C-alpha atoms as a PDB file:
ATOM      1  CA  MET A   1       6.202  24.183  42.388  1.00  0.00           C
ATOM      2  CA  THR A   2       4.541  26.738  44.683  1.00  0.00           C
ATOM      3  CA  ASP A   3       3.192  29.877  42.538  1.00  0.00           C
ATOM      4  CA  PHE A   4       1.987  31.585  45.900  1.00  0.00           C
ATOM      5  CA  GLY A   5       0.030  30.341  48.851  1.00  0.00           C
ATOM      6  CA  ASP A   6      -0.369  30.472  52.868  1.00  0.00           C
ATOM      7  CA  THR A   7      -1.398  28.200  55.132  1.00  0.00           C
ATOM      8  CA  THR A   8      -3.437  28.453  58.256  1.00  0.00           C
ATOM      9  CA  TRP A   9      -4.557  27.226  61.686  1.00  0.00           C
ATOM     10  CA  PRO A  10      -8.130  27.514  62.046  1.00  0.00           C
ATOM     11  CA  VAL A  11      -9.971  25.464  64.057  1.00  0.00           C
ATOM     12  CA  ALA A  12     -12.890  23.846  62.060  1.00  0.00           C
ATOM     13  CA  ARG A  13     -16.143  25.325  62.373  1.00  0.00           C
ATOM     14  CA  LYS A  14     -17.712  22.221  60.588  1.00  0.00           C
ATOM     15  CA  ASP A  15     -16.646  18.467  59.827  1.00  0.00           C
ATOM     16  CA  HIS A  16     -13.554  18.738  56.744  1.00  0.00           C
ATOM     17  CA  ARG A  17     -11.785  15.930  54.728  1.00  0.00           C
ATOM     18  CA  CYS A  18      -8.017  15.527  55.398  1.00  0.00           C
ATOM     19  CA  GLU A  19      -5.895  15.869  51.967  1.00  0.00           C
ATOM     20  CA  TRP A  20      -3.560  13.590  53.168  1.00  0.00           C
ATOM     21  CA  CYS A  21      -5.265  10.601  54.635  1.00  0.00           C
ATOM     22  CA  GLY A  22      -8.662  11.035  54.003  1.00  0.00           C
ATOM     23  CA  GLU A  23     -10.364  11.024  57.313  1.00  0.00           C
ATOM     24  CA  ALA A  24     -12.792  13.584  58.885  1.00  0.00           C
ATOM     25  CA  ILE A  25     -11.470  16.301  60.106  1.00  0.00           C
ATOM     26  CA  PRO A  26     -14.346  16.738  63.066  1.00  0.00           C
ATOM     27  CA  LYS A  27     -15.432  20.295  63.611  1.00  0.00           C
ATOM     28  CA  GLY A  28     -13.563  22.020  66.646  1.00  0.00           C
ATOM     29  CA  GLU A  29     -10.439  20.469  65.698  1.00  0.00           C
ATOM     30  CA  LYS A  30      -7.424  22.783  65.031  1.00  0.00           C
ATOM     31  CA  HIS A  31      -6.140  21.755  61.235  1.00  0.00           C
ATOM     32  CA  ALA A  32      -3.482  22.781  58.350  1.00  0.00           C
ATOM     33  CA  HIS A  33      -5.468  25.097  55.499  1.00  0.00           C
ATOM     34  CA  TYR A  34      -3.556  25.690  52.647  1.00  0.00           C
ATOM     35  CA  VAL A  35      -5.200  28.191  49.961  1.00  0.00           C
ATOM     36  CA  GLY A  36      -2.551  28.865  46.762  1.00  0.00           C
ATOM     37  CA  LYS A  37      -1.762  28.361  43.817  1.00  0.00           C
ATOM     38  CA  TRP A  38       0.512  24.999  42.583  1.00  0.00           C
ATOM     39  CA  ASP A  39       1.781  24.297  39.407  1.00  0.00           C
ATOM     40  CA  GLY A  40      -0.325  26.800  37.991  1.00  0.00           C
ATOM     41  CA  GLU A  41      -3.772  24.930  39.048  1.00  0.00           C
ATOM     42  CA  PHE A  42      -5.585  26.576  42.550  1.00  0.00           C
ATOM     43  CA  GLN A  43      -5.238  24.714  45.420  1.00  0.00           C
ATOM     44  CA  ASP A  44      -7.233  25.162  48.741  1.00  0.00           C
ATOM     45  CA  TRP A  45      -6.856  22.292  51.145  1.00  0.00           C
ATOM     46  CA  ARG A  46      -7.039  20.530  54.817  1.00  0.00           C
ATOM     47  CA  MET A  47      -4.777  18.623  56.718  1.00  0.00           C
ATOM     48  CA  HIS A  48      -4.748  17.135  60.125  1.00  0.00           C
ATOM     49  CA  GLN A  49      -1.845  18.788  62.420  1.00  0.00           C
ATOM     50  CA  GLU A  50      -0.306  15.206  62.323  1.00  0.00           C
ATOM     51  CA  CYS A  51      -1.032  15.042  58.472  1.00  0.00           C
ATOM     52  CA  ASN A  52       0.272  18.211  57.812  1.00  0.00           C
ATOM     53  CA  GLU A  53       3.943  17.516  59.917  1.00  0.00           C
ATOM     54  CA  ASP A  54       4.459  13.834  58.596  1.00  0.00           C
ATOM     55  CA  ALA A  55       4.299  15.510  54.755  1.00  0.00           C
ATOM     56  CA  ASP A  56       6.390  18.151  55.662  1.00  0.00           C
ATOM     57  CA  MET A  57       9.230  16.237  57.166  1.00  0.00           C
ATOM     58  CA  ASN A  58       8.854  14.067  54.100  1.00  0.00           C
ATOM     59  CA  GLY A  59       8.944  16.794  51.743  1.00  0.00           C
ATOM     60  CA  GLU A  60       5.860  15.878  49.957  1.00  0.00           C
ATOM     61  CA  ILE A  61       4.515  19.123  50.642  1.00  0.00           C
ATOM     62  CA  GLN A  62       7.369  20.944  48.787  1.00  0.00           C
ATOM     63  CA  ASP A  63       6.976  17.615  46.055  1.00  0.00           C
ATOM     64  CA  GLY A  64       3.705  17.440  45.688  1.00  0.00           C
ATOM     65  CA  PHE A  65       1.423  14.867  46.827  1.00  0.00           C
ATOM     66  CA  MET A  66      -1.717  12.511  45.841  1.00  0.00           C
ATOM     67  CA  PRO A  67      -4.727  12.736  47.801  1.00  0.00           C
ATOM     68  CA  TYR A  68      -5.946  10.432  50.349  1.00  0.00           C
ATOM     69  CA  GLU A  69      -3.037   8.042  49.840  1.00  0.00           C
ATOM     70  CA  HIS A  70      -1.259   7.812  53.139  1.00  0.00           C
ATOM     71  CA  GLU A  71      -1.790   6.822  56.942  1.00  0.00           C
ATOM     72  CA  ARG A  72      -2.722   8.675  59.240  1.00  0.00           C
ATOM     73  CA  PRO A  73       0.279   9.020  61.811  1.00  0.00           C
ATOM     74  CA  SER A  74      -0.217   9.253  65.214  1.00  0.00           C
ATOM     75  CA  PRO A  75      -0.325  12.448  66.879  1.00  0.00           C
ATOM     76  CA  SER A  76       3.732  13.999  67.748  1.00  0.00           C
ATOM     77  CA  HIS A  77       4.017  13.316  71.566  1.00  0.00           C
ATOM     78  CA  GLY A  78       3.589  17.164  72.672  1.00  0.00           C
ATOM     79  CA  ALA A  79       1.292  18.288  70.370  1.00  0.00           C
ATOM     80  CA  GLU A  80      -1.272  20.874  70.800  1.00  0.00           C
ATOM     81  CA  PRO A  81      -4.480  19.225  71.843  1.00  0.00           C
ATOM     82  CA  THR A  82      -6.963  18.911  69.109  1.00  0.00           C
ATOM     83  CA  THR A  83     -10.140  19.631  70.772  1.00  0.00           C
END
């Protein structure tokens, strides 16, 4: 359960690793960045836009998930370009 937290949508200034699929989030790509406290533990992670949408649709962001154990979904039709 989330104690508190916030998700922002920055453009990466350096390469990061997606917490959902484990693939690289390259410099220049817009992505989800969450910082907060979950079940008493501090969290700071990043996801591709499409990975965040997939996790949110499945309710796994609210219920918790294991990092790097999911496949990266195809970008949503009509989603903003990532570069």
